[in-house]
Amino acid sequence: MKNIKMEIRRFVKERCWEKFHSPKNLSMSIAIEAAELMEHFQWLDTVDQAKKLLKDKTKRVEIEDELADIAIYLLDFCNLYGIDFEKIILNKLKKTEKRYPVKLVKGSIKKYTEYKK
């Protein structure tokens, strides 16, 4: 992860793009790239259709590129604004583990608020 973050920092810095990478612009870019990822799956009705799409070499490369774009913008945001990406993920997982205890949620898709009833 450290090498990837350094490469992103180098890439952005060489192009003097930091001045354009405000929190607003980066968050919008993340959302835009996520929407581009969703487009690939938009009209598919089943998991099997999605799995078939992912086996198509051309489509898979396009999907991987969208995932990479999302990750690059996320890591760039963290680089520029002093956010420890690994730490925030681990912290969020801890919070989510408390909301979704295995004994209550295993095999279910209900939201955590439904378990407190």
Protein backbone atom coordinates (compact mmCIF):
# COMPACT_ATOMS: atom_id res chain seq x y z
CA MET A 1 0.00 0.00 0.00
CA LYS A 2 2.84 2.39 0.82
CA ASN A 3 4.28 2.06 -2.72
CA ILE A 4 0.91 2.70 -4.31
CA LYS A 5 0.34 5.82 -2.20
CA MET A 6 3.82 7.10 -3.13
CA GLU A 7 3.17 6.47 -6.83
CA ILE A 8 -0.12 8.35 -6.70
CA ARG A 9 1.55 11.24 -4.85
CA ARG A 10 4.34 11.34 -7.48
CA PHE A 11 1.89 11.17 -10.37
CA VAL A 12 -0.25 14.04 -9.06
CA LYS A 13 2.71 16.18 -8.00
CA GLU A 14 4.51 15.87 -11.37
CA ARG A 15 1.44 17.28 -13.07
CA CYS A 16 0.87 20.03 -10.45
CA TRP A 17 -2.68 18.76 -9.96
CA GLU A 18 -2.82 19.20 -6.16
CA LYS A 19 -4.44 22.63 -6.64
CA PHE A 20 -7.38 20.98 -8.42
CA HIS A 21 -7.78 18.14 -5.92
CA SER A 22 -9.98 19.77 -3.31
CA PRO A 23 -12.09 17.55 -1.05
CA LYS A 24 -15.15 18.51 -3.14
CA ASN A 25 -13.50 17.68 -6.45
CA LEU A 26 -12.03 14.40 -5.21
CA SER A 27 -15.27 13.27 -3.59
CA MET A 28 -17.14 14.07 -6.80
CA SER A 29 -14.54 12.15 -8.82
CA ILE A 30 -14.96 9.12 -6.56
CA ALA A 31 -18.73 9.23 -7.08
CA ILE A 32 -18.36 9.67 -10.84
CA GLU A 33 -15.99 6.71 -11.13
CA ALA A 34 -18.30 4.60 -8.92
CA ALA A 35 -21.16 5.46 -11.29
CA GLU A 36 -19.03 4.39 -14.25
CA LEU A 37 -18.43 1.08 -12.48
CA MET A 38 -22.16 0.68 -11.85
CA GLU A 39 -22.93 1.25 -15.54
CA HIS A 40 -21.36 -2.11 -16.35
CA PHE A 41 -23.90 -3.89 -14.15
CA GLN A 42 -26.86 -1.52 -14.53
CA TRP A 43 -29.22 -3.73 -16.54
CA LEU A 44 -28.10 -7.14 -15.31
CA ASP A 45 -30.72 -8.96 -13.27
CA THR A 46 -28.77 -11.84 -11.79
CA VAL A 47 -25.46 -12.64 -10.16
CA ASP A 48 -24.84 -15.14 -12.95
CA GLN A 49 -25.10 -12.38 -15.55
CA ALA A 50 -22.59 -10.30 -13.60
CA LYS A 51 -20.21 -13.25 -13.28
CA LYS A 52 -20.50 -13.87 -17.02
CA LEU A 53 -19.69 -10.20 -17.69
CA LEU A 54 -16.60 -10.47 -15.48
CA LYS A 55 -15.38 -13.42 -17.56
CA ASP A 56 -15.41 -11.27 -20.71
CA LYS A 57 -11.78 -10.16 -21.03
CA THR A 58 -12.54 -6.74 -22.53
CA LYS A 59 -15.28 -5.91 -20.04
CA ARG A 60 -13.15 -7.17 -17.15
CA VAL A 61 -10.35 -4.75 -18.08
CA GLU A 62 -12.87 -1.89 -18.23
CA ILE A 63 -14.27 -2.84 -14.80
CA GLU A 64 -10.79 -3.16 -13.33
CA ASP A 65 -9.93 0.29 -14.70
CA GLU A 66 -12.99 1.80 -12.98
CA LEU A 67 -12.04 0.11 -9.70
CA ALA A 68 -8.51 1.46 -10.06
CA ASP A 69 -9.84 4.98 -10.71
CA ILE A 70 -11.94 4.82 -7.53
CA ALA A 71 -8.99 3.57 -5.50
CA ILE A 72 -6.64 6.19 -6.93
CA TYR A 73 -8.99 9.05 -6.03
CA LEU A 74 -9.55 7.59 -2.54
CA LEU A 75 -5.84 7.27 -1.87
CA ASP A 76 -5.12 10.69 -3.37
CA PHE A 77 -7.71 12.20 -1.02
CA CYS A 78 -6.04 10.49 1.92
CA ASN A 79 -2.56 11.55 0.78
CA LEU A 80 -3.48 15.19 0.36
CA TYR A 81 -5.48 15.55 3.55
CA GLY A 82 -3.45 13.46 5.98
CA ILE A 83 -5.88 10.57 6.38
CA ASP A 84 -4.47 7.15 7.30
CA PHE A 85 -6.38 4.94 4.86
CA GLU A 86 -5.54 1.65 6.55
CA LYS A 87 -6.44 3.03 9.99
CA ILE A 88 -9.83 4.36 8.93
CA ILE A 89 -10.72 1.04 7.28
CA LEU A 90 -9.78 -0.93 10.38
CA ASN A 91 -11.70 1.51 12.60
CA LYS A 92 -14.78 1.24 10.40
CA LEU A 93 -14.59 -2.55 10.44
CA LYS A 94 -14.55 -2.47 14.26
CA LYS A 95 -17.64 -0.23 14.33
CA THR A 96 -19.39 -2.44 11.80
CA GLU A 97 -18.55 -5.60 13.76
CA LYS A 98 -20.38 -4.10 16.75
CA ARG A 99 -23.41 -3.20 14.63
CA TYR A 100 -23.49 -6.59 12.95
CA PRO A 101 -22.59 -9.30 15.49
CA VAL A 102 -22.07 -12.64 13.77
CA LYS A 103 -24.63 -14.43 15.97
CA LEU A 104 -27.39 -12.07 14.84
CA VAL A 105 -26.57 -11.41 11.21
CA LYS A 106 -24.93 -14.49 9.74
CA GLY A 107 -26.53 -15.15 6.37
CA SER A 108 -28.89 -12.16 6.56
CA ILE A 109 -28.98 -8.88 4.64
CA LYS A 110 -31.05 -6.90 7.15
CA LYS A 111 -29.81 -3.49 8.25
CA TYR A 112 -28.44 -3.29 11.79
CA THR A 113 -31.41 -1.20 12.95
CA GLU A 114 -33.73 -4.14 12.25
CA TYR A 115 -31.88 -6.31 14.78
CA LYS A 116 -32.51 -3.91 17.64
CA LYS A 117 -36.30 -4.36 17.50
